[in-house]
């Protein structure tokens, strides 16, 4: 893959099976976020291809959830209404209160998302993962801004997802609070 005329990675190949998590590690600018965006279908690879599932198994958009650097929140809407928006978009019957409780935001449901702290905003962004089941979670620095309690809640969510046969591709600079199946290093190992 190239960005700005510079090759980020070439000849990259990996398989992610149910119940597995790959941590994508490397220095800033190595292509971790780019890789997640390619897998999510937000960018096209300059060569090669991505196979997310056997053909006919599911629509591509219904296979993965992507949580990137930006939280994607509608700041004028309440915490509850932010999740309800995504629940409606995805045609889901998931419980908004249950998702908010799972990330420790149940008591803040009526607050405008724009007044949340950075850690609370990250928790709300992660709560979107619970609005519609998807087998693959693509997470870009998911623990950024989370305190110890937030990391524990995230570990529980991710652990449950993997335990139910879900998969995760996680770009990170630090250690994750869940056992990593494989680490994929981009741009050289420190």
C-alpha atoms as a PDB file:
ATOM      1  CA  UNK A   1       0.000   0.000   0.000  1.00  0.00           C
ATOM      2  CA  UNK A   2       1.221   3.477  -0.824  1.00  0.00           C
ATOM      3  CA  UNK A   3       0.395   6.837   0.707  1.00  0.00           C
ATOM      4  CA  UNK A   4       1.864  10.093  -0.573  1.00  0.00           C
ATOM      5  CA  UNK A   5       4.142   8.199  -2.959  1.00  0.00           C
ATOM      6  CA  UNK A   6       5.663   6.222  -0.066  1.00  0.00           C
ATOM      7  CA  UNK A   7       5.193   2.476   0.296  1.00  0.00           C
ATOM      8  CA  UNK A   8       3.684   1.661   3.690  1.00  0.00           C
ATOM      9  CA  UNK A   9       3.598  -2.112   3.328  1.00  0.00           C
ATOM     10  CA  UNK A  10       3.907  -4.729   0.614  1.00  0.00           C
ATOM     11  CA  UNK A  11       3.270  -8.457   0.479  1.00  0.00           C
ATOM     12  CA  UNK A  12       1.198  -8.385   3.641  1.00  0.00           C
ATOM     13  CA  UNK A  13      -0.846 -11.509   4.259  1.00  0.00           C
ATOM     14  CA  UNK A  14      -2.745 -12.768   7.277  1.00  0.00           C
ATOM     15  CA  UNK A  15      -5.746 -14.903   8.198  1.00  0.00           C
ATOM     16  CA  UNK A  16      -8.040 -14.135  11.082  1.00  0.00           C
ATOM     17  CA  UNK A  17     -10.191 -17.003  12.338  1.00  0.00           C
ATOM     18  CA  UNK A  18     -13.201 -16.975  14.679  1.00  0.00           C
ATOM     19  CA  UNK A  19     -12.194 -16.247  18.269  1.00  0.00           C
ATOM     20  CA  UNK A  20      -8.886 -14.642  17.253  1.00  0.00           C
ATOM     21  CA  UNK A  21      -7.454 -11.148  17.595  1.00  0.00           C
ATOM     22  CA  UNK A  22      -4.541  -9.679  15.688  1.00  0.00           C
ATOM     23  CA  UNK A  23      -2.777  -6.676  17.189  1.00  0.00           C
ATOM     24  CA  UNK A  24      -1.350  -4.417  14.478  1.00  0.00           C
ATOM     25  CA  UNK A  25       1.713  -2.665  15.896  1.00  0.00           C
ATOM     26  CA  UNK A  26       4.372  -0.325  14.591  1.00  0.00           C
ATOM     27  CA  UNK A  27       5.598   3.262  14.735  1.00  0.00           C
ATOM     28  CA  UNK A  28       3.516   6.277  13.780  1.00  0.00           C
ATOM     29  CA  UNK A  29       3.009   6.427  10.020  1.00  0.00           C
ATOM     30  CA  UNK A  30       3.706   2.720   9.459  1.00  0.00           C
ATOM     31  CA  UNK A  31       0.214   2.130   8.025  1.00  0.00           C
ATOM     32  CA  UNK A  32      -1.748   0.644  10.933  1.00  0.00           C
ATOM     33  CA  UNK A  33      -4.787   2.882  10.439  1.00  0.00           C
ATOM     34  CA  UNK A  34      -4.485   2.549   6.665  1.00  0.00           C
ATOM     35  CA  UNK A  35      -4.619  -1.242   6.947  1.00  0.00           C
ATOM     36  CA  UNK A  36      -7.775  -1.087   9.057  1.00  0.00           C
ATOM     37  CA  UNK A  37      -9.376   1.330   6.589  1.00  0.00           C
ATOM     38  CA  UNK A  38      -8.542  -1.003   3.701  1.00  0.00           C
ATOM     39  CA  UNK A  39     -10.107  -3.979   5.489  1.00  0.00           C
ATOM     40  CA  UNK A  40     -13.154  -1.820   6.308  1.00  0.00           C
ATOM     41  CA  UNK A  41     -13.521  -0.956   2.608  1.00  0.00           C
ATOM     42  CA  UNK A  42     -12.886   2.750   3.174  1.00  0.00           C
ATOM     43  CA  UNK A  43      -9.678   2.698   1.092  1.00  0.00           C
ATOM     44  CA  UNK A  44      -8.699   0.605  -1.899  1.00  0.00           C
ATOM     45  CA  UNK A  45      -5.396  -1.267  -1.785  1.00  0.00           C
ATOM     46  CA  UNK A  46      -2.896  -0.272  -4.462  1.00  0.00           C
ATOM     47  CA  UNK A  47      -2.369  -3.977  -5.156  1.00  0.00           C
ATOM     48  CA  UNK A  48      -3.720  -7.280  -3.909  1.00  0.00           C
ATOM     49  CA  UNK A  49      -7.123  -7.915  -2.395  1.00  0.00           C
ATOM     50  CA  UNK A  50      -9.026  -8.409   0.851  1.00  0.00           C
ATOM     51  CA  UNK A  51     -11.273 -11.437   1.335  1.00  0.00           C
ATOM     52  CA  UNK A  52     -13.580 -10.905   4.308  1.00  0.00           C
ATOM     53  CA  UNK A  53     -15.801 -13.958   3.994  1.00  0.00           C
ATOM     54  CA  UNK A  54     -16.649 -16.691   1.551  1.00  0.00           C
ATOM     55  CA  UNK A  55     -18.749 -15.235  -1.255  1.00  0.00           C
ATOM     56  CA  UNK A  56     -22.430 -15.220  -0.506  1.00  0.00           C
ATOM     57  CA  UNK A  57     -21.973 -15.617   3.256  1.00  0.00           C
ATOM     58  CA  UNK A  58     -22.877 -12.019   4.092  1.00  0.00           C
ATOM     59  CA  UNK A  59     -23.006  -8.603   2.578  1.00  0.00           C
ATOM     60  CA  UNK A  60     -19.627  -6.892   2.933  1.00  0.00           C
ATOM     61  CA  UNK A  61     -21.052  -4.035   4.997  1.00  0.00           C
ATOM     62  CA  UNK A  62     -22.603  -6.444   7.484  1.00  0.00           C
ATOM     63  CA  UNK A  63     -19.328  -8.209   8.266  1.00  0.00           C
ATOM     64  CA  UNK A  64     -17.308  -5.568  10.092  1.00  0.00           C
ATOM     65  CA  UNK A  65     -17.570  -2.704  12.549  1.00  0.00           C
ATOM     66  CA  UNK A  66     -14.914   0.007  12.274  1.00  0.00           C
ATOM     67  CA  UNK A  67     -14.106   2.285  15.211  1.00  0.00           C
ATOM     68  CA  UNK A  68     -11.428   4.759  14.134  1.00  0.00           C
ATOM     69  CA  UNK A  69      -9.539   7.635  15.725  1.00  0.00           C
ATOM     70  CA  UNK A  70     -12.487   9.974  15.446  1.00  0.00           C
ATOM     71  CA  UNK A  71     -15.422   9.065  17.648  1.00  0.00           C
ATOM     72  CA  UNK A  72     -18.101   9.717  15.009  1.00  0.00           C
ATOM     73  CA  UNK A  73     -20.518  11.165  17.563  1.00  0.00           C
ATOM     74  CA  UNK A  74     -23.243  13.668  16.896  1.00  0.00           C
ATOM     75  CA  UNK A  75     -22.425  16.177  19.637  1.00  0.00           C
ATOM     76  CA  UNK A  76     -25.861  17.845  19.664  1.00  0.00           C
ATOM     77  CA  UNK A  77     -27.619  14.525  20.321  1.00  0.00           C
ATOM     78  CA  UNK A  78     -27.859  12.863  23.700  1.00  0.00           C
ATOM     79  CA  UNK A  79     -25.744   9.861  24.565  1.00  0.00           C
ATOM     80  CA  UNK A  80     -28.856   7.673  24.169  1.00  0.00           C
ATOM     81  CA  UNK A  81     -29.872   9.240  20.868  1.00  0.00           C
ATOM     82  CA  UNK A  82     -26.385   8.723  19.404  1.00  0.00           C
ATOM     83  CA  UNK A  83     -26.706   4.974  19.861  1.00  0.00           C
ATOM     84  CA  UNK A  84     -30.349   4.984  18.850  1.00  0.00           C
ATOM     85  CA  UNK A  85     -29.347   6.669  15.581  1.00  0.00           C
ATOM     86  CA  UNK A  86     -26.978   3.794  14.717  1.00  0.00           C
ATOM     87  CA  UNK A  87     -29.480   1.212  15.890  1.00  0.00           C
ATOM     88  CA  UNK A  88     -31.992   2.689  13.409  1.00  0.00           C
ATOM     89  CA  UNK A  89     -29.455   2.909  10.570  1.00  0.00           C
ATOM     90  CA  UNK A  90     -28.543  -0.742  11.022  1.00  0.00           C
ATOM     91  CA  UNK A  91     -32.143  -1.908  11.542  1.00  0.00           C
ATOM     92  CA  UNK A  92     -31.187  -3.451  14.859  1.00  0.00           C
ATOM     93  CA  UNK A  93     -33.320  -4.413  17.823  1.00  0.00           C
ATOM     94  CA  UNK A  94     -30.391  -4.081  20.261  1.00  0.00           C
ATOM     95  CA  UNK A  95     -31.052  -2.424  23.599  1.00  0.00           C
ATOM     96  CA  UNK A  96     -29.558   1.058  23.858  1.00  0.00           C
ATOM     97  CA  UNK A  97     -29.758   1.072  27.700  1.00  0.00           C
ATOM     98  CA  UNK A  98     -27.994  -2.314  27.857  1.00  0.00           C
ATOM     99  CA  UNK A  99     -25.203  -1.093  25.566  1.00  0.00           C
ATOM    100  CA  UNK A 100     -24.762   2.078  27.630  1.00  0.00           C
ATOM    101  CA  UNK A 101     -24.626   0.030  30.832  1.00  0.00           C
ATOM    102  CA  UNK A 102     -22.017  -2.257  29.259  1.00  0.00           C
ATOM    103  CA  UNK A 103     -19.675   0.704  28.735  1.00  0.00           C
ATOM    104  CA  UNK A 104     -20.486   2.412  32.031  1.00  0.00           C
ATOM    105  CA  UNK A 105     -22.537   5.267  30.582  1.00  0.00           C
ATOM    106  CA  UNK A 106     -26.040   4.235  31.637  1.00  0.00           C
ATOM    107  CA  UNK A 107     -26.353   7.133  34.085  1.00  0.00           C
ATOM    108  CA  UNK A 108     -25.364   9.642  31.372  1.00  0.00           C
ATOM    109  CA  UNK A 109     -27.950   8.645  28.741  1.00  0.00           C
ATOM    110  CA  UNK A 110     -29.700  12.042  28.757  1.00  0.00           C
ATOM    111  CA  UNK A 111     -26.516  14.143  28.489  1.00  0.00           C
ATOM    112  CA  UNK A 112     -25.530  15.736  25.201  1.00  0.00           C
ATOM    113  CA  UNK A 113     -22.589  13.833  23.717  1.00  0.00           C
ATOM    114  CA  UNK A 114     -20.765  17.130  23.230  1.00  0.00           C
ATOM    115  CA  UNK A 115     -20.218  17.552  26.982  1.00  0.00           C
ATOM    116  CA  UNK A 116     -18.620  14.142  27.539  1.00  0.00           C
ATOM    117  CA  UNK A 117     -14.965  13.772  28.493  1.00  0.00           C
ATOM    118  CA  UNK A 118     -12.579  12.174  25.986  1.00  0.00           C
ATOM    119  CA  UNK A 119     -12.778   8.841  27.813  1.00  0.00           C
ATOM    120  CA  UNK A 120     -16.571   8.940  27.921  1.00  0.00           C
ATOM    121  CA  UNK A 121     -16.669   9.766  24.209  1.00  0.00           C
ATOM    122  CA  UNK A 122     -14.452   6.737  23.513  1.00  0.00           C
ATOM    123  CA  UNK A 123     -16.769   4.535  25.609  1.00  0.00           C
ATOM    124  CA  UNK A 124     -19.774   5.773  23.615  1.00  0.00           C
ATOM    125  CA  UNK A 125     -17.965   5.103  20.332  1.00  0.00           C
ATOM    126  CA  UNK A 126     -17.209   1.565  21.514  1.00  0.00           C
ATOM    127  CA  UNK A 127     -20.847   1.078  22.546  1.00  0.00           C
ATOM    128  CA  UNK A 128     -21.770   1.253  18.837  1.00  0.00           C
ATOM    129  CA  UNK A 129     -20.191  -2.202  18.510  1.00  0.00           C
ATOM    130  CA  UNK A 130     -23.138  -3.531  20.491  1.00  0.00           C
ATOM    131  CA  UNK A 131     -25.855  -1.982  18.316  1.00  0.00           C
ATOM    132  CA  UNK A 132     -25.642  -4.628  15.585  1.00  0.00           C
ATOM    133  CA  UNK A 133     -23.754  -7.924  15.709  1.00  0.00           C
ATOM    134  CA  UNK A 134     -20.854  -8.103  13.293  1.00  0.00           C
ATOM    135  CA  UNK A 135     -18.231 -10.862  13.317  1.00  0.00           C
ATOM    136  CA  UNK A 136     -15.213  -8.598  12.680  1.00  0.00           C
ATOM    137  CA  UNK A 137     -14.278  -5.610  14.831  1.00  0.00           C
ATOM    138  CA  UNK A 138     -11.716  -3.213  13.328  1.00  0.00           C
ATOM    139  CA  UNK A 139     -10.477  -1.060  16.199  1.00  0.00           C
ATOM    140  CA  UNK A 140      -7.987   1.779  15.876  1.00  0.00           C
ATOM    141  CA  UNK A 141      -6.370   2.582  19.235  1.00  0.00           C
ATOM    142  CA  UNK A 142      -9.534   1.532  21.120  1.00  0.00           C
ATOM    143  CA  UNK A 143      -8.152   2.224  24.599  1.00  0.00           C
ATOM    144  CA  UNK A 144      -7.104   5.821  23.880  1.00  0.00           C
ATOM    145  CA  UNK A 145      -8.375   8.122  26.654  1.00  0.00           C
ATOM    146  CA  UNK A 146      -9.819   5.228  28.685  1.00  0.00           C
ATOM    147  CA  UNK A 147      -9.096   5.066  32.410  1.00  0.00           C
ATOM    148  CA  UNK A 148      -8.501   1.752  34.193  1.00  0.00           C
ATOM    149  CA  UNK A 149     -12.249   1.185  34.606  1.00  0.00           C
ATOM    150  CA  UNK A 150     -12.853   1.914  30.936  1.00  0.00           C
ATOM    151  CA  UNK A 151     -10.101  -0.486  29.911  1.00  0.00           C
ATOM    152  CA  UNK A 152     -11.661  -3.191  32.087  1.00  0.00           C
ATOM    153  CA  UNK A 153     -15.064  -2.626  30.453  1.00  0.00           C
ATOM    154  CA  UNK A 154     -13.445  -2.731  27.011  1.00  0.00           C
ATOM    155  CA  UNK A 155     -11.622  -5.958  27.928  1.00  0.00           C
ATOM    156  CA  UNK A 156     -14.936  -7.520  28.965  1.00  0.00           C
ATOM    157  CA  UNK A 157     -16.641  -6.450  25.699  1.00  0.00           C
ATOM    158  CA  UNK A 158     -13.813  -7.678  23.518  1.00  0.00           C
ATOM    159  CA  UNK A 159     -13.360 -10.880  25.507  1.00  0.00           C
ATOM    160  CA  UNK A 160     -17.061 -11.694  25.172  1.00  0.00           C
ATOM    161  CA  UNK A 161     -16.959 -10.921  21.428  1.00  0.00           C
ATOM    162  CA  UNK A 162     -13.979 -13.232  20.895  1.00  0.00           C
ATOM    163  CA  UNK A 163     -15.472 -15.900  23.166  1.00  0.00           C
ATOM    164  CA  UNK A 164     -18.593 -15.958  20.993  1.00  0.00           C
ATOM    165  CA  UNK A 165     -16.487 -16.585  17.873  1.00  0.00           C
ATOM    166  CA  UNK A 166     -15.985 -12.960  16.873  1.00  0.00           C
ATOM    167  CA  UNK A 167     -12.722 -11.638  15.443  1.00  0.00           C
ATOM    168  CA  UNK A 168     -10.781  -8.420  16.002  1.00  0.00           C
ATOM    169  CA  UNK A 169      -8.071  -6.549  14.125  1.00  0.00           C
ATOM    170  CA  UNK A 170      -6.730  -3.923  16.524  1.00  0.00           C
ATOM    171  CA  UNK A 171      -4.218  -1.163  15.740  1.00  0.00           C
ATOM    172  CA  UNK A 172      -2.415  -0.231  18.931  1.00  0.00           C
ATOM    173  CA  UNK A 173       0.755   1.304  20.304  1.00  0.00           C
ATOM    174  CA  UNK A 174       0.408  -0.282  23.726  1.00  0.00           C
ATOM    175  CA  UNK A 175      -0.498  -3.534  25.339  1.00  0.00           C
ATOM    176  CA  UNK A 176      -4.125  -4.591  25.115  1.00  0.00           C
ATOM    177  CA  UNK A 177      -6.156  -5.789  28.111  1.00  0.00           C
ATOM    178  CA  UNK A 178      -7.094  -9.015  26.269  1.00  0.00           C
ATOM    179  CA  UNK A 179      -4.911 -11.905  25.100  1.00  0.00           C
ATOM    180  CA  UNK A 180      -3.618 -11.251  21.589  1.00  0.00           C
ATOM    181  CA  UNK A 181      -3.564 -14.237  19.213  1.00  0.00           C
ATOM    182  CA  UNK A 182      -1.004 -12.751  16.811  1.00  0.00           C
ATOM    183  CA  UNK A 183       0.927  -9.507  16.489  1.00  0.00           C
ATOM    184  CA  UNK A 184       1.417  -8.074  13.016  1.00  0.00           C
ATOM    185  CA  UNK A 185       4.313  -5.591  12.943  1.00  0.00           C
ATOM    186  CA  UNK A 186       4.330  -2.840  10.312  1.00  0.00           C
ATOM    187  CA  UNK A 187       7.337  -0.622   9.662  1.00  0.00           C
ATOM    188  CA  UNK A 188       9.736  -2.729  11.686  1.00  0.00           C
ATOM    189  CA  UNK A 189       9.727  -4.016  15.209  1.00  0.00           C
ATOM    190  CA  UNK A 190      11.170  -1.818  17.961  1.00  0.00           C
END
